[in-house]
Every structure is written in structure tokens, then in C-alpha cells.
Amino acid sequence: MTLSKHSALSSLLAMGKSKTLDQTLEALLCDQYAVPLVGDYPIAAIAAAADGLDVAKAYWLRADPVHLRLQRDCFSLDESVPLPSLSVHAEQMLESLNQHFALDLNADSGKPEYQFLIGTSGAWYLRCQQHPNITTTLPSVAAGKNSHQFLPQGTGSAKLIGLLNEVQMLLHEHPGNLAREAQGLEAVNSVWLSGGGFMPTLRGSANAELLMANSALYQGLALWTNADYQSLPTHMDVILTNRAVRMQLVSSEDIDALWFKPILAALRAKKITQLTLNLGYYDLSLSVNIKPLDRYKFWRKAKPVQHYLP
């Protein structure tokens, strides 16, 4: 992403009123949709419901495949979360994990207490038969830091941390990882648990907003709020309609040219009447609101994007 004061994003930030929020982008999104916070936001269950999985009455966690990197005196979580995973390797790894945990049965249901599943998007999930009594940390908060400080917390944390230790031993020199390393890919040496919860009760009222994204979470939110959902198009022309649209943009080197420049042009041409930008920065979010009159405040000078970040 271009971060200089000459970028379209810098012009958008200068045009609107911005504020830095002490919460992750996922948490901000959940707050905006009034998703209930019960320990964690139930991000995993909402995403799994739209990702081809039967959420039923189980407790769900995201189980992102990750690489923990050995530092001098700790392991740190690599920033690439989840690691890109070939489907054949993912299936091999999760089959091994599920075989290992198959004998750990829930006393009430007689089913395995823990089961790893893959959604149609390729995302990994952990289904629990009952509430594990933990709270978790989203990977955006823990990225690049000592991973031990961000492991599951709560009265049930010892059991889940024990599960993670077993997962790491099973993945060590797993055939799927040996194949990855032979192809020059980083090994999946652990999973990162986050976003735990039961599926909240579906809302019945209609939502006039259109969600555009390539994300199981956004698709799940559309399902939960009874809103329309479409995959993110390749250009802005498809989006310039007369309705409220929420988009999730994928970070890339050309995001300024592909998205922020057309958005800025559409604002100046009055094709967009009001705009809110929510930008994630590790454990913080930058929220920018641009109202119609803000287009005429030409005295606001563009600054590098870093100026708006702590």
C-alpha cells in the first residue's frame, strides 16, 4: 500500500474526520453490527455458518494455520495469518489431528470433544461440544509478538493449551509439512485459536445494506443481519449504486490505484454521498468519516498515512 502524502488514501484521510480506536478491526465490525460479546465475539460461529458448516449448538473457534517462529527466548507469531494452505496438505493435517483427538469423547453427547473442520473458503475451525471456558486473542493483536502472552485465558485454558501442545507435536515433521517445505513454503507448526462462541440468534428484520467482500465472516454477518451479500467485484463501477454498500478490501500493493483513487474520484464527482473508512492496524483501528460538506474543505492538507497512526 502507498503510504505517502500523495496517495489517494492520504487525501481521503485529510478530507474526513478521523479517530483512532483501541480495538481490532474485527471487534469494531462486530460492535457496528451489535454482535454480542460473551468472552469473545463469536466470529468463528458466524463465519462457519456461511462457510458450508453446520454450526448447530456447538461452540466454535477459528483455528488458523500459523507458523510460530523461534526467537532468542520465545516463539513469535508470524504476521501471515492464516498461512496459505494447499487443500491437500490441509486435509492431511486435519485428518491426523482428528484421528488423534477422536477418543476424547464428550460425556453427554458421546461425540469427540474437539473436531477440526475446513470451510468451503479454506478456513480452519475447531468445533467444541461444550463451552471451553476460555477467552482468546485475535491474531492481529499477537502478530510479531511473544505468542505465549496471548494464549487462551480462563478456567479452561490449561486444557486448550494442552491441546495446542499436542497439535504442535502432531504437526512437527508431518508429511504435509515436509511437502510444504520441499516447495519452499513455511511449515504449519501450530494453529491459532480465536473468535470463540456459539452462533447468536439470527436477526429477523431486513437490512438494506449490501455487503461486498470475499470473506466468510462478512458473508456470515450478511446472513445474520438478513442483508444482501456479493463477492467483491474487480472495479468500482459495479459498486456505484444508490444504496448503502459495505466493502471489505483486501490489502495489496496496488490497493491505492485499484480502490482508493476510484473512491476519491467518485466522492469528488458526488457519486458517493457519504463514506466511512475503517482501517485495521494490528490491535488498533482507524475510523474516518467523510460527510458531503467535507468535500469542500480544501484547506485540509494531505499527510502521510503514518501521521494518523500511533
Protein backbone atom coordinates (compact mmCIF):
# COMPACT_ATOMS: atom_id res chain seq x y z
CA MET A 1 0.00 0.00 0.00
CA THR A 2 1.23 3.51 -0.85
CA LEU A 3 1.61 5.46 2.37
CA SER A 4 2.97 8.81 1.16
CA LYS A 5 1.04 12.07 1.34
CA HIS A 6 0.50 11.83 -2.42
CA SER A 7 -1.63 8.69 -2.17
CA ALA A 8 -5.39 8.76 -2.66
CA LEU A 9 -5.81 7.24 0.80
CA SER A 10 -3.93 10.20 2.33
CA SER A 11 -6.29 12.58 0.54
CA LEU A 12 -9.30 10.68 1.89
CA LEU A 13 -7.92 10.76 5.43
CA ALA A 14 -7.33 14.51 5.19
CA MET A 15 -10.82 15.10 3.83
CA GLY A 16 -12.69 13.41 6.68
CA LYS A 17 -12.78 13.33 10.44
CA SER A 18 -10.63 10.53 11.79
CA LYS A 19 -10.25 8.85 15.16
CA THR A 20 -8.07 6.03 16.41
CA LEU A 21 -9.90 3.27 18.28
CA ASP A 22 -8.34 0.92 20.81
CA GLN A 23 -9.83 -2.21 19.25
CA THR A 24 -9.16 -4.53 16.34
CA LEU A 25 -10.92 -4.13 13.02
CA GLU A 26 -12.89 -7.33 13.69
CA ALA A 27 -14.05 -6.02 17.06
CA LEU A 28 -15.08 -2.70 15.50
CA LEU A 29 -17.04 -4.56 12.85
CA CYS A 30 -18.80 -6.68 15.46
CA ASP A 31 -19.65 -3.59 17.51
CA GLN A 32 -21.10 -1.86 14.46
CA TYR A 33 -23.36 -4.86 13.85
CA ALA A 34 -24.20 -5.25 17.55
CA VAL A 35 -22.74 -8.76 17.69
CA PRO A 36 -22.92 -9.90 21.32
CA LEU A 37 -19.64 -10.03 23.23
CA VAL A 38 -19.61 -13.05 25.54
CA GLY A 39 -15.95 -13.55 26.40
CA ASP A 40 -15.07 -13.38 22.70
CA TYR A 41 -17.05 -12.07 19.79
CA PRO A 42 -18.42 -15.28 18.16
CA ILE A 43 -16.56 -14.60 14.91
CA ALA A 44 -15.87 -18.28 14.22
CA ALA A 45 -19.51 -19.38 14.51
CA ILE A 46 -20.77 -16.52 12.32
CA ALA A 47 -18.18 -17.29 9.64
CA ALA A 48 -18.68 -21.07 9.83
CA ALA A 49 -22.43 -20.65 9.28
CA ALA A 50 -21.68 -19.13 5.88
CA ASP A 51 -18.71 -21.38 5.16
CA GLY A 52 -20.62 -24.59 4.47
CA LEU A 53 -20.58 -25.94 8.03
CA ASP A 54 -23.47 -26.88 10.29
CA VAL A 55 -22.91 -24.75 13.38
CA ALA A 56 -25.84 -26.35 15.29
CA LYS A 57 -25.45 -25.77 19.05
CA ALA A 58 -21.69 -26.28 19.20
CA TYR A 59 -19.04 -23.84 20.37
CA TRP A 60 -16.76 -22.73 17.51
CA LEU A 61 -13.24 -21.33 17.36
CA ARG A 62 -11.18 -20.17 14.44
CA ALA A 63 -8.18 -22.47 14.19
CA ASP A 64 -5.98 -20.57 11.75
CA PRO A 65 -2.93 -22.47 10.45
CA VAL A 66 0.11 -20.46 11.56
CA HIS A 67 3.87 -20.51 11.83
CA LEU A 68 5.41 -19.85 15.24
CA ARG A 69 8.95 -18.56 14.76
CA LEU A 70 11.66 -19.32 17.30
CA GLN A 71 13.27 -16.15 18.64
CA ARG A 72 16.10 -15.91 21.18
CA ASP A 73 13.91 -16.75 24.20
CA CYS A 74 10.37 -17.21 22.88
CA PHE A 75 8.19 -18.07 19.92
CA SER A 76 6.57 -15.25 17.97
CA LEU A 77 3.50 -15.44 15.75
CA ASP A 78 4.31 -14.75 12.11
CA GLU A 79 2.17 -11.99 10.62
CA SER A 80 0.88 -14.16 7.78
CA VAL A 81 -2.33 -15.47 9.42
CA PRO A 82 -3.71 -17.73 8.24
CA LEU A 83 -0.83 -19.26 6.30
CA PRO A 84 -1.75 -20.02 2.69
CA SER A 85 -2.53 -23.72 2.75
CA LEU A 86 -2.90 -26.12 -0.16
CA SER A 87 -6.12 -28.09 0.25
CA VAL A 88 -4.38 -31.47 0.04
CA HIS A 89 -1.97 -30.52 2.83
CA ALA A 90 -4.79 -29.09 4.95
CA GLU A 91 -6.88 -32.23 4.59
CA GLN A 92 -3.91 -34.44 5.54
CA MET A 93 -3.11 -32.38 8.61
CA LEU A 94 -6.66 -32.10 9.92
CA GLU A 95 -7.27 -35.80 9.32
CA SER A 96 -4.26 -36.56 11.52
CA LEU A 97 -5.45 -34.15 14.20
CA ASN A 98 -8.98 -35.55 14.22
CA GLN A 99 -7.73 -39.13 14.43
CA HIS A 100 -5.64 -38.16 17.44
CA PHE A 101 -8.49 -36.42 19.29
CA ALA A 102 -11.20 -38.91 18.28
CA LEU A 103 -11.03 -40.79 21.60
CA ASP A 104 -11.52 -37.65 23.71
CA LEU A 105 -15.31 -38.02 23.93
CA ASN A 106 -17.83 -35.65 25.44
CA ALA A 107 -19.65 -37.35 28.33
CA ASP A 108 -23.09 -36.00 27.32
CA SER A 109 -23.09 -36.43 23.55
CA GLY A 110 -20.64 -39.32 23.16
CA LYS A 111 -19.04 -37.39 20.28
CA PRO A 112 -15.43 -36.21 20.11
CA GLU A 113 -14.98 -33.18 22.34
CA TYR A 114 -12.90 -31.48 19.66
CA GLN A 115 -13.08 -31.72 15.88
CA PHE A 116 -11.16 -29.71 13.28
CA LEU A 117 -13.06 -28.75 10.14
CA ILE A 118 -12.36 -26.89 6.90
CA GLY A 119 -14.90 -24.48 5.43
CA THR A 120 -15.54 -24.02 1.72
CA SER A 121 -13.37 -20.88 1.89
CA GLY A 122 -10.44 -23.00 3.11
CA ALA A 123 -10.62 -21.55 6.64
CA TRP A 124 -9.92 -23.89 9.57
CA TYR A 125 -12.25 -24.20 12.56
CA LEU A 126 -12.33 -26.09 15.84
CA ARG A 127 -15.76 -27.34 16.94
CA CYS A 128 -16.19 -27.95 20.67
CA GLN A 129 -19.08 -29.90 22.14
CA GLN A 130 -19.32 -27.51 25.09
CA HIS A 131 -18.06 -24.11 26.18
CA PRO A 132 -14.30 -24.50 26.87
CA ASN A 133 -14.38 -21.63 29.39
CA ILE A 134 -11.70 -19.57 27.71
CA THR A 135 -11.19 -16.19 26.13
CA THR A 136 -8.84 -15.75 23.20
CA THR A 137 -6.80 -13.11 21.41
CA LEU A 138 -7.19 -12.33 17.72
CA PRO A 139 -4.04 -12.95 15.66
CA SER A 140 -3.91 -9.30 14.55
CA VAL A 141 -3.13 -8.41 18.19
CA ALA A 142 -0.50 -11.12 18.71
CA ALA A 143 1.29 -10.88 15.34
CA GLY A 144 5.04 -10.43 15.69
CA LYS A 145 4.96 -10.73 19.48
CA ASN A 146 5.73 -13.37 22.09
CA SER A 147 2.92 -15.85 21.41
CA HIS A 148 2.91 -17.17 24.99
CA GLN A 149 1.42 -13.91 26.27
CA PHE A 150 -1.63 -14.32 24.03
CA LEU A 151 -2.56 -17.97 24.57
CA PRO A 152 -6.15 -18.79 25.69
CA GLN A 153 -7.09 -17.45 29.11
CA GLY A 154 -9.72 -18.59 31.62
CA THR A 155 -10.57 -21.55 33.83
CA GLY A 156 -10.45 -23.95 30.89
CA SER A 157 -7.25 -22.59 29.40
CA ALA A 158 -4.99 -25.41 30.64
CA LYS A 159 -6.92 -27.97 28.61
CA LEU A 160 -6.88 -25.89 25.44
CA ILE A 161 -3.20 -25.04 25.82
CA GLY A 162 -2.58 -28.77 26.27
CA LEU A 163 -4.50 -29.35 23.03
CA LEU A 164 -2.30 -26.80 21.26
CA ASN A 165 0.84 -28.54 22.54
CA GLU A 166 -0.42 -31.84 21.14
CA VAL A 167 -1.28 -30.16 17.84
CA GLN A 168 2.25 -28.79 17.57
CA MET A 169 3.76 -32.23 18.23
CA LEU A 170 1.50 -33.83 15.61
CA LEU A 171 2.36 -31.21 13.01
CA HIS A 172 6.10 -31.49 13.62
CA GLU A 173 7.54 -33.32 10.58
CA HIS A 174 4.02 -34.12 9.37
CA PRO A 175 4.10 -35.35 5.73
CA GLY A 176 2.02 -32.32 4.71
CA ASN A 177 4.60 -30.00 6.23
CA LEU A 178 7.50 -31.89 4.69
CA ALA A 179 5.79 -31.41 1.31
CA ARG A 180 5.32 -27.70 2.03
CA GLU A 181 8.94 -27.21 2.99
CA ALA A 182 10.06 -29.06 -0.16
CA GLN A 183 8.11 -26.45 -2.11
CA GLY A 184 9.75 -23.59 -0.21
CA LEU A 185 6.66 -22.88 1.93
CA GLU A 186 6.65 -22.23 5.65
CA ALA A 187 5.59 -25.14 7.82
CA VAL A 188 2.23 -25.05 9.57
CA ASN A 189 3.59 -25.75 13.03
CA SER A 190 0.56 -24.70 15.07
CA VAL A 191 -2.97 -23.33 14.94
CA TRP A 192 -4.17 -20.06 16.43
CA LEU A 193 -7.45 -20.25 18.32
CA SER A 194 -9.64 -17.13 18.37
CA GLY A 195 -13.13 -15.75 17.89
CA GLY A 196 -14.86 -18.34 20.06
CA GLY A 197 -18.56 -18.63 20.73
CA PHE A 198 -21.94 -20.12 19.98
CA MET A 199 -23.93 -18.90 17.00
CA PRO A 200 -26.01 -15.94 18.19
CA THR A 201 -29.73 -15.88 17.48
CA LEU A 202 -30.43 -14.79 13.92
CA ARG A 203 -31.95 -11.38 13.44
CA GLY A 204 -35.34 -11.31 11.74
CA SER A 205 -35.51 -7.70 10.48
CA ALA A 206 -34.38 -6.84 6.97
CA ASN A 207 -31.13 -4.94 6.40
CA ALA A 208 -30.99 -2.63 3.38
CA GLU A 209 -27.20 -2.67 3.35
CA LEU A 210 -25.27 -4.59 0.70
CA LEU A 211 -22.09 -6.33 1.87
CA MET A 212 -19.35 -6.89 -0.70
CA ALA A 213 -16.37 -8.99 0.30
CA ASN A 214 -14.50 -12.22 -0.25
CA SER A 215 -14.85 -13.23 3.36
CA ALA A 216 -16.79 -15.91 5.20
CA LEU A 217 -17.14 -13.53 8.16
CA TYR A 218 -18.79 -10.81 6.07
CA GLN A 219 -20.97 -13.39 4.37
CA GLY A 220 -21.94 -14.72 7.79
CA LEU A 221 -22.76 -11.19 9.01
CA ALA A 222 -24.97 -10.71 5.96
CA LEU A 223 -26.76 -13.94 6.79
CA TRP A 224 -27.08 -12.97 10.45
CA THR A 225 -28.44 -9.48 9.72
CA ASN A 226 -30.59 -10.51 6.74
CA ALA A 227 -28.59 -8.33 4.34
CA ASP A 228 -27.60 -8.97 0.73
CA TYR A 229 -24.10 -10.28 0.03
CA GLN A 230 -21.97 -10.28 -3.12
CA SER A 231 -18.39 -11.17 -3.84
CA LEU A 232 -16.10 -8.17 -4.15
CA PRO A 233 -16.04 -7.03 -7.81
CA THR A 234 -12.86 -6.16 -9.64
CA HIS A 235 -13.62 -2.45 -10.12
CA MET A 236 -15.58 0.39 -8.58
CA ASP A 237 -18.14 0.89 -11.37
CA VAL A 238 -20.14 -2.11 -10.15
CA ILE A 239 -20.42 -0.61 -6.68
CA LEU A 240 -21.64 2.91 -7.52
CA THR A 241 -25.31 2.28 -6.85
CA ASN A 242 -27.99 4.17 -4.96
CA ARG A 243 -27.84 2.00 -1.86
CA ALA A 244 -25.66 1.66 1.19
CA VAL A 245 -22.69 -0.59 0.48
CA ARG A 246 -20.14 -2.02 2.91
CA MET A 247 -16.96 -3.41 1.35
CA GLN A 248 -14.04 -5.34 2.74
CA LEU A 249 -10.96 -4.54 0.69
CA VAL A 250 -8.05 -6.94 0.52
CA SER A 251 -4.69 -5.37 1.31
CA SER A 252 -2.32 -5.36 -1.65
CA GLU A 253 0.46 -3.26 -3.14
CA ASP A 254 -1.89 -1.74 -5.74
CA ILE A 255 -4.85 -1.10 -3.42
CA ASP A 256 -4.45 2.67 -3.77
CA ALA A 257 -4.73 2.59 -7.55
CA LEU A 258 -7.43 -0.08 -7.65
CA TRP A 259 -9.69 1.23 -4.91
CA PHE A 260 -8.80 4.45 -3.11
CA LYS A 261 -8.24 6.52 -6.29
CA PRO A 262 -11.63 5.50 -7.78
CA ILE A 263 -13.30 6.07 -4.38
CA LEU A 264 -11.76 9.56 -4.16
CA ALA A 265 -12.87 10.35 -7.74
CA ALA A 266 -16.40 9.12 -7.02
CA LEU A 267 -16.59 11.34 -3.92
CA ARG A 268 -15.47 14.39 -5.84
CA ALA A 269 -17.99 13.59 -8.60
CA LYS A 270 -20.74 13.19 -5.96
CA LYS A 271 -21.36 9.60 -6.98
CA ILE A 272 -20.69 8.70 -3.33
CA THR A 273 -22.52 10.94 -0.87
CA GLN A 274 -21.03 9.73 2.41
CA LEU A 275 -18.12 7.43 3.19
CA THR A 276 -16.75 5.71 6.28
CA LEU A 277 -13.33 4.05 6.13
CA ASN A 278 -12.32 1.56 8.81
CA LEU A 279 -8.64 0.64 8.61
CA GLY A 280 -7.09 -2.06 10.76
CA TYR A 281 -3.63 -1.64 12.27
CA TYR A 282 -2.73 -4.63 14.47
CA ASP A 283 -4.71 -4.13 17.72
CA LEU A 284 -5.99 -0.67 16.68
CA SER A 285 -8.46 0.67 14.14
CA LEU A 286 -8.52 3.98 12.32
CA SER A 287 -12.03 5.16 11.52
CA VAL A 288 -12.59 8.03 9.07
CA ASN A 289 -15.98 9.56 8.34
CA ILE A 290 -16.44 11.78 5.27
CA LYS A 291 -19.66 13.79 5.00
CA PRO A 292 -20.90 15.74 1.95
CA LEU A 293 -19.62 19.13 3.18
CA ASP A 294 -16.15 17.68 3.81
CA ARG A 295 -15.54 17.63 0.05
CA TYR A 296 -15.28 21.42 0.09
CA LYS A 297 -12.74 21.75 2.89
CA PHE A 298 -9.82 22.25 0.54
CA TRP A 299 -7.59 23.75 3.23
CA ARG A 300 -7.05 20.33 4.77
CA LYS A 301 -3.63 19.22 3.57
CA ALA A 302 -2.85 15.57 2.88
CA LYS A 303 -0.31 13.95 5.19
CA PRO A 304 1.41 10.54 5.08
CA VAL A 305 -0.84 7.75 6.36
CA GLN A 306 1.64 7.12 9.18
CA HIS A 307 0.67 10.52 10.63
CA TYR A 308 -2.69 9.07 11.68
CA LEU A 309 -1.20 6.04 13.39
CA PRO A 310 0.35 5.94 16.89
